[in-house]
C-alpha atoms as a PDB file:
ATOM      1  CA  MET A   1      37.284   9.578 -28.358  1.00  0.00           C
ATOM      2  CA  ASN A   2      37.371  10.554 -24.689  1.00  0.00           C
ATOM      3  CA  GLU A   3      34.461   9.966 -22.550  1.00  0.00           C
ATOM      4  CA  ALA A   4      32.587  13.021 -21.334  1.00  0.00           C
ATOM      5  CA  ALA A   5      33.880  14.155 -17.809  1.00  0.00           C
ATOM      6  CA  GLU A   6      31.545  13.152 -14.952  1.00  0.00           C
ATOM      7  CA  PRO A   7      29.495  16.104 -13.771  1.00  0.00           C
ATOM      8  CA  LEU A   8      30.314  17.801 -10.530  1.00  0.00           C
ATOM      9  CA  PRO A   9      28.351  16.342  -7.456  1.00  0.00           C
ATOM     10  CA  ARG A  10      25.321  18.708  -6.845  1.00  0.00           C
ATOM     11  CA  ILE A  11      24.905  19.884  -3.315  1.00  0.00           C
ATOM     12  CA  LEU A  12      22.122  22.062  -1.848  1.00  0.00           C
ATOM     13  CA  VAL A  13      22.736  24.537   0.876  1.00  0.00           C
ATOM     14  CA  ALA A  14      19.723  26.003   2.730  1.00  0.00           C
ATOM     15  CA  ASP A  15      20.600  29.021   4.974  1.00  0.00           C
ATOM     16  CA  ASP A  16      18.785  32.400   5.578  1.00  0.00           C
ATOM     17  CA  SER A  17      22.129  34.148   6.136  1.00  0.00           C
ATOM     18  CA  LYS A  18      23.651  35.725   3.227  1.00  0.00           C
ATOM     19  CA  VAL A  19      27.051  35.689   4.892  1.00  0.00           C
ATOM     20  CA  MET A  20      26.916  32.029   5.502  1.00  0.00           C
ATOM     21  CA  ARG A  21      25.765  31.178   1.892  1.00  0.00           C
ATOM     22  CA  MET A  22      28.634  33.163   0.545  1.00  0.00           C
ATOM     23  CA  SER A  23      31.134  31.535   2.937  1.00  0.00           C
ATOM     24  CA  THR A  24      29.865  28.046   1.953  1.00  0.00           C
ATOM     25  CA  ARG A  25      30.095  28.888  -1.714  1.00  0.00           C
ATOM     26  CA  LYS A  26      33.637  29.974  -1.360  1.00  0.00           C
ATOM     27  CA  ILE A  27      34.681  26.723   0.190  1.00  0.00           C
ATOM     28  CA  LEU A  28      32.612  24.214  -1.942  1.00  0.00           C
ATOM     29  CA  ASP A  29      32.266  25.901  -5.306  1.00  0.00           C
ATOM     30  CA  ALA A  30      35.441  24.600  -6.762  1.00  0.00           C
ATOM     31  CA  GLU A  31      34.554  20.935  -6.277  1.00  0.00           C
ATOM     32  CA  PHE A  32      30.739  20.909  -6.365  1.00  0.00           C
ATOM     33  CA  ASP A  33      27.840  22.108  -8.327  1.00  0.00           C
ATOM     34  CA  LEU A  34      26.352  24.233  -5.609  1.00  0.00           C
ATOM     35  CA  VAL A  35      22.702  25.216  -5.317  1.00  0.00           C
ATOM     36  CA  VAL A  36      21.681  27.723  -2.495  1.00  0.00           C
ATOM     37  CA  GLU A  37      18.351  28.709  -0.984  1.00  0.00           C
ATOM     38  CA  ALA A  38      17.458  31.182   1.724  1.00  0.00           C
ATOM     39  CA  ASP A  39      14.659  29.285   3.384  1.00  0.00           C
ATOM     40  CA  GLY A  40      13.300  25.865   4.156  1.00  0.00           C
ATOM     41  CA  GLN A  41      10.349  25.972   1.791  1.00  0.00           C
ATOM     42  CA  ALA A  42      12.475  27.030  -1.277  1.00  0.00           C
ATOM     43  CA  ALA A  43      14.917  24.168  -0.456  1.00  0.00           C
ATOM     44  CA  TRP A  44      12.089  21.603  -0.314  1.00  0.00           C
ATOM     45  CA  ASP A  45      10.728  22.930  -3.615  1.00  0.00           C
ATOM     46  CA  ARG A  46      14.162  22.563  -5.089  1.00  0.00           C
ATOM     47  CA  LEU A  47      14.654  18.994  -3.731  1.00  0.00           C
ATOM     48  CA  GLU A  48      11.319  17.970  -5.228  1.00  0.00           C
ATOM     49  CA  LYS A  49      12.293  19.287  -8.720  1.00  0.00           C
ATOM     50  CA  ASP A  50      15.973  18.230  -8.757  1.00  0.00           C
ATOM     51  CA  PRO A  51      16.826  14.694  -8.524  1.00  0.00           C
ATOM     52  CA  ASP A  52      20.636  15.251  -8.992  1.00  0.00           C
ATOM     53  CA  ILE A  53      21.038  16.707  -5.598  1.00  0.00           C
ATOM     54  CA  LEU A  54      23.248  14.407  -3.503  1.00  0.00           C
ATOM     55  CA  VAL A  55      23.488  16.197  -0.189  1.00  0.00           C
ATOM     56  CA  LEU A  56      21.700  18.838   1.766  1.00  0.00           C
ATOM     57  CA  PHE A  57      23.397  21.160   4.238  1.00  0.00           C
ATOM     58  CA  THR A  58      20.551  23.013   6.206  1.00  0.00           C
ATOM     59  CA  ASP A  59      20.475  25.719   8.831  1.00  0.00           C
ATOM     60  CA  VAL A  60      17.790  25.258  11.675  1.00  0.00           C
ATOM     61  CA  GLY A  61      16.504  28.782  12.154  1.00  0.00           C
ATOM     62  CA  MET A  62      14.947  29.817   8.728  1.00  0.00           C
ATOM     63  CA  PRO A  63      11.743  31.539   7.582  1.00  0.00           C
ATOM     64  CA  GLU A  64       8.792  29.788   5.842  1.00  0.00           C
ATOM     65  CA  LEU A  65      10.092  26.221   6.909  1.00  0.00           C
ATOM     66  CA  ASP A  66      12.829  25.758   9.551  1.00  0.00           C
ATOM     67  CA  GLY A  67      15.520  23.121   9.300  1.00  0.00           C
ATOM     68  CA  TYR A  68      13.807  20.680  11.610  1.00  0.00           C
ATOM     69  CA  GLU A  69      10.561  20.802   9.603  1.00  0.00           C
ATOM     70  CA  LEU A  70      12.435  20.454   6.396  1.00  0.00           C
ATOM     71  CA  LEU A  71      14.272  17.453   7.727  1.00  0.00           C
ATOM     72  CA  ALA A  72      11.017  15.863   9.022  1.00  0.00           C
ATOM     73  CA  ARG A  73       9.361  16.368   5.545  1.00  0.00           C
ATOM     74  CA  ILE A  74      12.357  14.812   3.809  1.00  0.00           C
ATOM     75  CA  ARG A  75      12.407  11.684   5.982  1.00  0.00           C
ATOM     76  CA  GLN A  76       8.550  11.198   5.618  1.00  0.00           C
ATOM     77  CA  SER A  77       8.667  11.505   1.877  1.00  0.00           C
ATOM     78  CA  LYS A  78       7.294   8.836  -0.404  1.00  0.00           C
ATOM     79  CA  GLU A  79      10.378   9.044  -2.752  1.00  0.00           C
ATOM     80  CA  PRO A  80      13.309   6.852  -1.702  1.00  0.00           C
ATOM     81  CA  ARG A  81      15.940   9.327  -3.157  1.00  0.00           C
ATOM     82  CA  LEU A  82      14.555  11.952  -0.588  1.00  0.00           C
ATOM     83  CA  ARG A  83      14.133   9.640   2.285  1.00  0.00           C
ATOM     84  CA  GLU A  84      17.677   8.427   1.964  1.00  0.00           C
ATOM     85  CA  LEU A  85      19.298  11.823   1.161  1.00  0.00           C
ATOM     86  CA  PRO A  86      22.225  12.739   3.390  1.00  0.00           C
ATOM     87  CA  VAL A  87      21.186  15.695   5.317  1.00  0.00           C
ATOM     88  CA  ILE A  88      23.772  17.660   7.490  1.00  0.00           C
ATOM     89  CA  VAL A  89      22.343  20.113   9.987  1.00  0.00           C
ATOM     90  CA  VAL A  90      24.558  23.227  10.385  1.00  0.00           C
ATOM     91  CA  THR A  91      23.625  25.548  13.230  1.00  0.00           C
ATOM     92  CA  GLY A  92      25.099  27.958  15.694  1.00  0.00           C
ATOM     93  CA  ASN A  93      23.276  26.259  18.652  1.00  0.00           C
ATOM     94  CA  ASP A  94      25.958  24.123  20.207  1.00  0.00           C
ATOM     95  CA  GLU A  95      23.606  22.661  22.887  1.00  0.00           C
ATOM     96  CA  GLU A  96      23.227  18.908  23.173  1.00  0.00           C
ATOM     97  CA  SER A  97      19.559  19.075  22.908  1.00  0.00           C
ATOM     98  CA  ALA A  98      19.723  20.686  19.447  1.00  0.00           C
ATOM     99  CA  ARG A  99      22.095  17.840  18.290  1.00  0.00           C
ATOM    100  CA  GLU A 100      19.666  15.193  19.815  1.00  0.00           C
ATOM    101  CA  LYS A 101      16.639  16.687  18.087  1.00  0.00           C
ATOM    102  CA  ALA A 102      18.386  16.755  14.839  1.00  0.00           C
ATOM    103  CA  LEU A 103      19.481  13.197  14.932  1.00  0.00           C
ATOM    104  CA  GLU A 104      16.071  12.046  16.210  1.00  0.00           C
ATOM    105  CA  LEU A 105      14.416  13.483  13.192  1.00  0.00           C
ATOM    106  CA  GLY A 106      16.820  11.704  10.914  1.00  0.00           C
ATOM    107  CA  ALA A 107      19.822  13.980  10.402  1.00  0.00           C
ATOM    108  CA  THR A 108      22.775  12.238   8.865  1.00  0.00           C
ATOM    109  CA  ASP A 109      25.378  14.414  10.474  1.00  0.00           C
ATOM    110  CA  PHE A 110      25.653  17.685  12.522  1.00  0.00           C
ATOM    111  CA  ILE A 111      27.994  20.622  12.342  1.00  0.00           C
ATOM    112  CA  THR A 112      28.144  23.523  14.709  1.00  0.00           C
ATOM    113  CA  LYS A 113      28.926  27.120  13.464  1.00  0.00           C
ATOM    114  CA  PRO A 114      31.359  28.535  12.941  1.00  0.00           C
ATOM    115  CA  PHE A 115      32.676  25.624  10.917  1.00  0.00           C
ATOM    116  CA  ASP A 116      36.137  25.486   9.280  1.00  0.00           C
ATOM    117  CA  ARG A 117      37.068  24.853   5.643  1.00  0.00           C
ATOM    118  CA  ALA A 118      38.429  21.377   6.145  1.00  0.00           C
ATOM    119  CA  GLN A 119      35.451  20.261   8.228  1.00  0.00           C
ATOM    120  CA  LEU A 120      32.819  21.338   5.682  1.00  0.00           C
ATOM    121  CA  LEU A 121      34.745  20.126   2.632  1.00  0.00           C
ATOM    122  CA  ALA A 122      35.366  16.618   4.240  1.00  0.00           C
ATOM    123  CA  ARG A 123      31.607  16.290   4.948  1.00  0.00           C
ATOM    124  CA  ALA A 124      30.673  17.302   1.456  1.00  0.00           C
ATOM    125  CA  ARG A 125      33.258  14.946  -0.229  1.00  0.00           C
ATOM    126  CA  ALA A 126      32.174  11.913   1.969  1.00  0.00           C
ATOM    127  CA  TYR A 127      28.515  12.214   1.766  1.00  0.00           C
ATOM    128  CA  ALA A 128      28.321  13.124  -1.961  1.00  0.00           C
ATOM    129  CA  THR A 129      30.474  10.031  -2.744  1.00  0.00           C
ATOM    130  CA  GLN A 130      28.320   7.882  -0.466  1.00  0.00           C
ATOM    131  CA  ASP A 131      24.993   8.986  -2.010  1.00  0.00           C
ATOM    132  CA  ARG A 132      26.259   8.727  -5.602  1.00  0.00           C
ATOM    133  CA  MET A 133      27.535   5.070  -4.896  1.00  0.00           C
ATOM    134  CA  ARG A 134      24.211   4.281  -3.337  1.00  0.00           C
ATOM    135  CA  ARG A 135      22.240   5.516  -6.283  1.00  0.00           C
ATOM    136  CA  ARG A 136      24.379   3.676  -8.841  1.00  0.00           C
ATOM    137  CA  ALA A 137      23.976   0.474  -6.719  1.00  0.00           C
ATOM    138  CA  SER A 138      20.214   0.970  -6.656  1.00  0.00           C
ATOM    139  CA  GLU A 139      20.256   1.638 -10.535  1.00  0.00           C
ATOM    140  CA  LEU A 140      22.171  -1.568 -11.091  1.00  0.00           C
ATOM    141  CA  GLU A 141      19.830  -3.483  -8.899  1.00  0.00           C
ATOM    142  CA  GLU A 142      16.810  -2.168 -10.733  1.00  0.00           C
ATOM    143  CA  SER A 143      18.474  -3.083 -14.121  1.00  0.00           C
ATOM    144  CA  ASN A 144      19.090  -6.642 -12.925  1.00  0.00           C
ATOM    145  CA  THR A 145      16.461  -9.327 -13.652  1.00  0.00           C
ATOM    146  CA  LEU A 146      17.617 -11.914 -11.088  1.00  0.00           C
ATOM    147  CA  ASP A 147      16.252 -12.330  -7.568  1.00  0.00           C
ATOM    148  CA  ALA A 148      19.425 -12.706  -5.542  1.00  0.00           C
ATOM    149  CA  LEU A 149      17.776 -14.786  -2.688  1.00  0.00           C
ATOM    150  CA  THR A 150      16.097 -17.505  -4.846  1.00  0.00           C
ATOM    151  CA  GLY A 151      17.968 -17.404  -8.081  1.00  0.00           C
ATOM    152  CA  LEU A 152      14.505 -17.035  -9.790  1.00  0.00           C
ATOM    153  CA  GLY A 153      13.632 -14.119 -12.166  1.00  0.00           C
ATOM    154  CA  ASN A 154      12.395 -10.879 -10.443  1.00  0.00           C
ATOM    155  CA  SER A 155       9.343  -8.690 -11.250  1.00  0.00           C
ATOM    156  CA  ARG A 156      11.240  -7.081 -14.053  1.00  0.00           C
ATOM    157  CA  TYR A 157      12.064 -10.501 -15.657  1.00  0.00           C
ATOM    158  CA  PHE A 158       8.386 -11.622 -15.181  1.00  0.00           C
ATOM    159  CA  GLU A 159       6.941  -8.600 -17.035  1.00  0.00           C
ATOM    160  CA  GLN A 160       9.699  -8.963 -19.786  1.00  0.00           C
ATOM    161  CA  ARG A 161       8.982 -12.684 -20.392  1.00  0.00           C
ATOM    162  CA  LEU A 162       5.204 -12.228 -20.072  1.00  0.00           C
ATOM    163  CA  ARG A 163       5.451  -9.857 -23.026  1.00  0.00           C
ATOM    164  CA  GLU A 164       7.517 -12.085 -25.080  1.00  0.00           C
ATOM    165  CA  ILE A 165       5.493 -15.306 -24.445  1.00  0.00           C
ATOM    166  CA  ARG A 166       2.207 -13.491 -25.012  1.00  0.00           C
ATOM    167  CA  ALA A 167       3.395 -12.066 -28.355  1.00  0.00           C
ATOM    168  CA  TRP A 168       4.656 -15.659 -29.427  1.00  0.00           C
ATOM    169  CA  GLY A 169       1.350 -17.172 -28.406  1.00  0.00           C
ATOM    170  CA  LEU A 170      -0.602 -14.816 -30.331  1.00  0.00           C
ATOM    171  CA  ARG A 171       1.581 -15.207 -33.503  1.00  0.00           C
ATOM    172  CA  HIS A 172       1.249 -18.996 -33.312  1.00  0.00           C
ATOM    173  CA  GLU A 173      -2.241 -19.274 -31.853  1.00  0.00           C
ATOM    174  CA  LEU A 174      -0.883 -21.112 -28.817  1.00  0.00           C
ATOM    175  CA  PRO A 175      -2.694 -20.979 -25.390  1.00  0.00           C
ATOM    176  CA  MET A 176      -0.914 -19.769 -22.283  1.00  0.00           C
ATOM    177  CA  ALA A 177      -1.470 -19.355 -18.583  1.00  0.00           C
ATOM    178  CA  VAL A 178      -0.191 -17.000 -15.921  1.00  0.00           C
ATOM    179  CA  LEU A 179      -0.041 -18.367 -12.398  1.00  0.00           C
ATOM    180  CA  ARG A 180       0.125 -16.380  -9.174  1.00  0.00           C
ATOM    181  CA  MET A 181       1.007 -17.917  -5.844  1.00  0.00           C
ATOM    182  CA  ASP A 182       1.290 -16.389  -2.400  1.00  0.00           C
ATOM    183  CA  LEU A 183       2.725 -17.849   0.800  1.00  0.00           C
ATOM    184  CA  LEU A 184       0.104 -16.667   3.250  1.00  0.00           C
ATOM    185  CA  ASN A 185       0.937 -14.724   6.381  1.00  0.00           C
ATOM    186  CA  PHE A 186       4.532 -14.422   5.321  1.00  0.00           C
ATOM    187  CA  ASP A 187       4.966 -11.236   7.381  1.00  0.00           C
ATOM    188  CA  ALA A 188       3.723 -12.944  10.422  1.00  0.00           C
ATOM    189  CA  MET A 189       6.053 -15.706   9.859  1.00  0.00           C
ATOM    190  CA  VAL A 190       8.946 -13.273   9.780  1.00  0.00           C
ATOM    191  CA  GLN A 191       7.822 -11.923  13.105  1.00  0.00           C
ATOM    192  CA  GLN A 192       7.186 -15.307  14.712  1.00  0.00           C
ATOM    193  CA  ARG A 193      10.032 -17.517  13.347  1.00  0.00           C
ATOM    194  CA  GLY A 194      12.605 -14.801  12.527  1.00  0.00           C
ATOM    195  CA  LYS A 195      13.947 -13.333   9.288  1.00  0.00           C
ATOM    196  CA  ARG A 196      16.501 -16.099   8.657  1.00  0.00           C
ATOM    197  CA  VAL A 197      13.955 -19.002   8.933  1.00  0.00           C
ATOM    198  CA  ALA A 198      11.543 -16.985   6.682  1.00  0.00           C
ATOM    199  CA  LEU A 199      14.282 -16.475   3.949  1.00  0.00           C
ATOM    200  CA  ASP A 200      14.997 -20.319   4.131  1.00  0.00           C
ATOM    201  CA  VAL A 201      11.317 -20.919   3.586  1.00  0.00           C
ATOM    202  CA  LEU A 202      11.481 -18.630   0.565  1.00  0.00           C
ATOM    203  CA  LYS A 203      14.440 -20.507  -1.018  1.00  0.00           C
ATOM    204  CA  ASP A 204      12.800 -23.897  -0.331  1.00  0.00           C
ATOM    205  CA  ALA A 205       9.524 -22.695  -1.855  1.00  0.00           C
ATOM    206  CA  ALA A 206      11.454 -21.514  -4.984  1.00  0.00           C
ATOM    207  CA  ALA A 207      13.096 -24.979  -5.310  1.00  0.00           C
ATOM    208  CA  LEU A 208       9.760 -26.662  -4.900  1.00  0.00           C
ATOM    209  CA  LEU A 209       8.209 -24.523  -7.691  1.00  0.00           C
ATOM    210  CA  LYS A 210      11.106 -25.429 -10.047  1.00  0.00           C
ATOM    211  CA  LYS A 211      10.664 -29.156  -9.317  1.00  0.00           C
ATOM    212  CA  SER A 212       6.843 -29.029  -9.589  1.00  0.00           C
ATOM    213  CA  LEU A 213       6.588 -27.012 -12.772  1.00  0.00           C
ATOM    214  CA  ARG A 214       7.662 -27.751 -16.361  1.00  0.00           C
ATOM    215  CA  GLU A 215      11.376 -26.933 -17.270  1.00  0.00           C
ATOM    216  CA  GLU A 216      10.154 -24.334 -19.882  1.00  0.00           C
ATOM    217  CA  ASP A 217       7.960 -22.534 -17.450  1.00  0.00           C
ATOM    218  CA  VAL A 218       9.164 -19.057 -16.471  1.00  0.00           C
ATOM    219  CA  ILE A 219       9.229 -18.887 -12.511  1.00  0.00           C
ATOM    220  CA  THR A 220       9.625 -15.581 -10.840  1.00  0.00           C
ATOM    221  CA  ARG A 221       9.509 -14.108  -7.351  1.00  0.00           C
ATOM    222  CA  LEU A 222       7.842 -10.674  -7.147  1.00  0.00           C
ATOM    223  CA  GLY A 223       8.937  -9.868  -3.590  1.00  0.00           C
ATOM    224  CA  GLY A 224       7.995 -11.224  -0.085  1.00  0.00           C
ATOM    225  CA  GLY A 225       6.270 -14.611  -0.440  1.00  0.00           C
ATOM    226  CA  ARG A 226       4.771 -13.677  -3.863  1.00  0.00           C
ATOM    227  CA  PHE A 227       5.579 -15.749  -6.884  1.00  0.00           C
ATOM    228  CA  ALA A 228       4.340 -15.610 -10.538  1.00  0.00           C
ATOM    229  CA  VAL A 229       4.828 -18.129 -13.367  1.00  0.00           C
ATOM    230  CA  VAL A 230       4.256 -17.711 -17.111  1.00  0.00           C
ATOM    231  CA  CYS A 231       3.438 -20.983 -18.828  1.00  0.00           C
ATOM    232  CA  GLY A 232       3.655 -20.988 -22.601  1.00  0.00           C
ATOM    233  CA  ASP A 233       1.680 -23.464 -24.713  1.00  0.00           C
ATOM    234  CA  CYS A 234      -0.406 -24.317 -21.756  1.00  0.00           C
ATOM    235  CA  ASP A 235      -4.145 -24.850 -22.037  1.00  0.00           C
ATOM    236  CA  ARG A 236      -6.837 -25.022 -19.208  1.00  0.00           C
ATOM    237  CA  GLU A 237      -6.158 -28.762 -18.516  1.00  0.00           C
ATOM    238  CA  GLY A 238      -2.423 -28.096 -18.308  1.00  0.00           C
ATOM    239  CA  ALA A 239      -2.882 -25.093 -15.996  1.00  0.00           C
ATOM    240  CA  GLN A 240      -5.168 -27.262 -13.772  1.00  0.00           C
ATOM    241  CA  VAL A 241      -2.655 -30.079 -13.695  1.00  0.00           C
ATOM    242  CA  LEU A 242       0.293 -27.645 -12.684  1.00  0.00           C
ATOM    243  CA  THR A 243      -1.605 -25.746 -10.135  1.00  0.00           C
ATOM    244  CA  GLU A 244      -2.872 -28.936  -8.517  1.00  0.00           C
ATOM    245  CA  ARG A 245       0.659 -30.426  -8.430  1.00  0.00           C
ATOM    246  CA  VAL A 246       2.186 -27.353  -6.842  1.00  0.00           C
ATOM    247  CA  MET A 247      -0.675 -27.140  -4.110  1.00  0.00           C
ATOM    248  CA  GLU A 248      -0.182 -30.914  -3.404  1.00  0.00           C
ATOM    249  CA  SER A 249       3.591 -30.488  -2.977  1.00  0.00           C
ATOM    250  CA  LEU A 250       3.197 -27.498  -0.676  1.00  0.00           C
ATOM    251  CA  ALA A 251       0.726 -29.368   1.385  1.00  0.00           C
ATOM    252  CA  ASN A 252       3.055 -32.312   1.810  1.00  0.00           C
ATOM    253  CA  THR A 253       6.350 -30.359   2.440  1.00  0.00           C
ATOM    254  CA  SER A 254       8.011 -28.886   5.424  1.00  0.00           C
ATOM    255  CA  PHE A 255      10.418 -26.150   4.874  1.00  0.00           C
ATOM    256  CA  ALA A 256      13.572 -24.544   6.415  1.00  0.00           C
ATOM    257  CA  GLY A 257      15.165 -27.806   7.350  1.00  0.00           C
ATOM    258  CA  GLU A 258      15.057 -28.730  11.100  1.00  0.00           C
ATOM    259  CA  HIS A 259      12.648 -25.836  11.655  1.00  0.00           C
ATOM    260  CA  ALA A 260      10.092 -27.923   9.775  1.00  0.00           C
ATOM    261  CA  VAL A 261       7.905 -24.959   8.846  1.00  0.00           C
ATOM    262  CA  ARG A 262       4.516 -25.651   7.214  1.00  0.00           C
ATOM    263  CA  VAL A 263       3.052 -22.933   5.081  1.00  0.00           C
ATOM    264  CA  ASP A 264      -0.423 -22.111   3.650  1.00  0.00           C
ATOM    265  CA  ALA A 265      -0.564 -20.862   0.084  1.00  0.00           C
ATOM    266  CA  ALA A 266      -3.159 -19.842  -2.334  1.00  0.00           C
ATOM    267  CA  MET A 267      -2.901 -19.986  -6.185  1.00  0.00           C
ATOM    268  CA  GLY A 268      -4.696 -18.234  -8.925  1.00  0.00           C
ATOM    269  CA  ALA A 269      -4.353 -18.859 -12.671  1.00  0.00           C
ATOM    270  CA  TYR A 270      -5.497 -16.886 -15.726  1.00  0.00           C
ATOM    271  CA  LEU A 271      -5.648 -18.101 -19.230  1.00  0.00           C
ATOM    272  CA  PRO A 272      -5.778 -15.127 -21.697  1.00  0.00           C
ATOM    273  CA  GLY A 273      -7.893 -15.177 -24.830  1.00  0.00           C
ATOM    274  CA  SER A 274      -6.932 -14.407 -28.368  1.00  0.00           C
ATOM    275  CA  ASP A 275      -7.735 -10.623 -28.043  1.00  0.00           C
ATOM    276  CA  GLN A 276      -4.541  -8.821 -28.900  1.00  0.00           C
ATOM    277  CA  LYS A 277      -5.715  -5.766 -26.912  1.00  0.00           C
ATOM    278  CA  GLU A 278      -5.412  -7.680 -23.756  1.00  0.00           C
ATOM    279  CA  GLY A 279      -1.936  -6.543 -22.659  1.00  0.00           C
ATOM    280  CA  VAL A 280       0.451  -7.531 -19.960  1.00  0.00           C
ATOM    281  CA  GLU A 281      -1.079  -5.269 -17.311  1.00  0.00           C
ATOM    282  CA  THR A 282      -4.618  -6.642 -17.833  1.00  0.00           C
ATOM    283  CA  ILE A 283      -3.401 -10.260 -17.739  1.00  0.00           C
ATOM    284  CA  TYR A 284      -1.497  -9.699 -14.546  1.00  0.00           C
ATOM    285  CA  LYS A 285      -4.426  -8.030 -13.003  1.00  0.00           C
ATOM    286  CA  ALA A 286      -6.672 -10.896 -13.907  1.00  0.00           C
ATOM    287  CA  ALA A 287      -4.227 -13.516 -12.448  1.00  0.00           C
ATOM    288  CA  GLN A 288      -4.104 -11.424  -9.304  1.00  0.00           C
ATOM    289  CA  ALA A 289      -7.903 -11.399  -9.132  1.00  0.00           C
ATOM    290  CA  ALA A 290      -8.007 -15.183  -9.483  1.00  0.00           C
ATOM    291  CA  LEU A 291      -5.472 -15.423  -6.643  1.00  0.00           C
ATOM    292  CA  LYS A 292      -7.615 -13.224  -4.411  1.00  0.00           C
ATOM    293  CA  ALA A 293     -10.662 -15.483  -5.087  1.00  0.00           C
ATOM    294  CA  ALA A 294      -8.797 -18.464  -3.817  1.00  0.00           C
ATOM    295  CA  GLY A 295      -8.279 -19.238  -0.011  1.00  0.00           C
ATOM    296  CA  PRO A 296      -5.620 -21.106   2.001  1.00  0.00           C
ATOM    297  CA  GLY A 297      -4.773 -24.317   0.249  1.00  0.00           C
ATOM    298  CA  LYS A 298      -7.062 -23.521  -2.717  1.00  0.00           C
ATOM    299  CA  MET A 299      -6.607 -22.617  -6.300  1.00  0.00           C
ATOM    300  CA  VAL A 300      -8.862 -20.867  -8.846  1.00  0.00           C
ATOM    301  CA  LEU A 301      -8.602 -20.779 -12.638  1.00  0.00           C
ATOM    302  CA  HIS A 302     -10.105 -17.900 -14.526  1.00  0.00           C
ATOM    303  CA  PRO A 303     -12.164 -17.442 -16.597  1.00  0.00           C
ATOM    304  CA  ALA A 304     -14.313 -20.192 -15.165  1.00  0.00           C
ATOM    305  CA  VAL A 305     -15.877 -22.654 -17.562  1.00  0.00           C
ATOM    306  CA  LYS A 306     -19.627 -22.294 -17.734  1.00  0.00           C
ATOM    307  CA  GLU A 307     -21.526 -25.639 -17.507  1.00  0.00           C
ATOM    308  CA  LYS A 308     -23.731 -26.233 -20.641  1.00  0.00           C
ATOM    309  CA  LYS A 309     -27.427 -26.561 -19.937  1.00  0.00           C
ATOM    310  CA  LYS A 310     -28.554 -30.122 -20.444  1.00  0.00           C
ATOM    311  CA  ASP A 311     -31.399 -31.014 -22.699  1.00  0.00           C
ATOM    312  CA  PRO A 312     -34.467 -31.803 -20.516  1.00  0.00           C
ATOM    313  CA  LEU A 313     -35.208 -35.023 -22.300  1.00  0.00           C
ATOM    314  CA  ALA A 314     -31.530 -36.130 -22.198  1.00  0.00           C
ATOM    315  CA  ALA A 315     -31.437 -35.477 -18.473  1.00  0.00           C
ATOM    316  CA  MET A 316     -34.669 -37.582 -17.991  1.00  0.00           C
ATOM    317  CA  GLU A 317     -33.182 -40.369 -20.023  1.00  0.00           C
ATOM    318  CA  GLU A 318     -29.900 -40.407 -18.049  1.00  0.00           C
ATOM    319  CA  THR A 319     -31.913 -40.403 -14.730  1.00  0.00           C
ATOM    320  CA  LEU A 320     -34.193 -43.429 -15.912  1.00  0.00           C
ATOM    321  CA  TYR A 321     -31.091 -45.355 -17.276  1.00  0.00           C
ATOM    322  CA  GLY A 322     -29.383 -45.023 -13.828  1.00  0.00           C
ATOM    323  CA  ARG A 323     -32.476 -46.295 -11.961  1.00  0.00           C
ATOM    324  CA  LEU A 324     -33.191 -49.048 -14.501  1.00  0.00           C
ATOM    325  CA  SER A 325     -29.455 -50.196 -14.397  1.00  0.00           C
ATOM    326  CA  THR A 326     -29.684 -50.446 -10.594  1.00  0.00           C
ATOM    327  CA  MET A 327     -32.967 -52.357 -10.632  1.00  0.00           C
ATOM    328  CA  LEU A 328     -31.633 -54.858 -13.390  1.00  0.00           C
ATOM    329  CA  ALA A 329     -28.493 -55.461 -11.431  1.00  0.00           C
ATOM    330  CA  ARG A 330     -30.581 -56.762  -8.436  1.00  0.00           C
ATOM    331  CA  LEU A 331     -32.736 -59.362 -10.603  1.00  0.00           C
ATOM    332  CA  PRO A 332     -31.503 -62.786 -11.745  1.00  0.00           C
ATOM    333  CA  LYS A 333     -30.283 -62.637 -15.373  1.00  0.00           C
ATOM    334  CA  ALA A 334     -33.365 -64.384 -16.865  1.00  0.00           C
ATOM    335  CA  SER A 335     -35.732 -62.119 -15.081  1.00  0.00           C
ATOM    336  CA  ALA A 336     -33.734 -59.104 -16.161  1.00  0.00           C
ATOM    337  CA  LEU A 337     -33.866 -60.248 -19.801  1.00  0.00           C
ATOM    338  CA  ARG A 338     -37.564 -60.852 -19.666  1.00  0.00           C
ATOM    339  CA  LEU A 339     -38.102 -57.367 -18.211  1.00  0.00           C
ATOM    340  CA  LEU A 340     -36.001 -55.797 -21.173  1.00  0.00           C
ATOM    341  CA  ASP A 341     -38.094 -57.708 -23.667  1.00  0.00           C
ATOM    342  CA  ARG A 342     -41.296 -56.461 -22.157  1.00  0.00           C
ATOM    343  CA  LEU A 343     -39.930 -52.820 -22.288  1.00  0.00           C
ATOM    344  CA  ARG A 344     -38.698 -53.149 -25.807  1.00  0.00           C
ATOM    345  CA  ALA A 345     -42.237 -54.511 -26.937  1.00  0.00           C
ATOM    346  CA  SER A 346     -43.926 -51.620 -25.029  1.00  0.00           C
ATOM    347  CA  VAL A 347     -41.749 -48.978 -26.801  1.00  0.00           C
ATOM    348  CA  GLU A 348     -42.191 -50.670 -30.247  1.00  0.00           C
ATOM    349  CA  GLY A 349     -45.892 -51.136 -29.761  1.00  0.00           C
END
């Protein structure tokens, strides 16, 4: 069976001139899925709704929203696919100031009217291919579960393994812990020491985690200087031991080779209960809350263990025993024994 042919690349053209829209369609229609709009606002609405648009050719002078305003809105969008969309400004204004303004606002390229067939077709082919390849690379990266820098799992892998280990623990009534660790002031380190040194610190920190934790623990990097660990079959005492070991190793280690960088870190750990309704998101948020409660060089385990209230008589007995032991230790043995006999007789009498 033959695979379905790949759909034609979709291009959006925004121009208030009917003649220019017809001319553009005549040139591009054979190779592209062409969408045309007569003003900037309509073009923006189309872009928001249609994720398959790979390239935008826009005029400058248009009603509702001109080309410059449309370009600014695209580059300020919260959606990466829009911020990174190739935008080619097409205008009859051949002044250098018009070109400079378009490029300052983030235009990918600039074409002056009247354009010829070869020029328009070449731009459309190049930028459509470029954007399609960029999107495929982005999709591939998102589907990957490995952090390329450290070799650890990434956030996708963390969520996947947390879900699996949680399900296994509930089925077999085994405890588990989720640890969160942040290298503090990581952004400041990038600014002060440079990106290369900061990346070396991250790689060294990843190696330290691998060395400090158990072989079966799932260690992941969530981005920046943020790490998360899923520890299956791990109770409170085990989580305490693991976090203390990591914090001690961090405190005694210099990173990035000859740069000898020392880092502050904070850790939080959460131990989920047996409630099956406690899902992955809830568990992660609880571990995050434990991390936020910690300070530099500190770690917090959540939920905290509540101290049991002591029986008043038992507390008094403990206090008296401590004082009596101290007094007896200061007396000669014979005197201590006589005192004990007198106390025994007093109690029995």
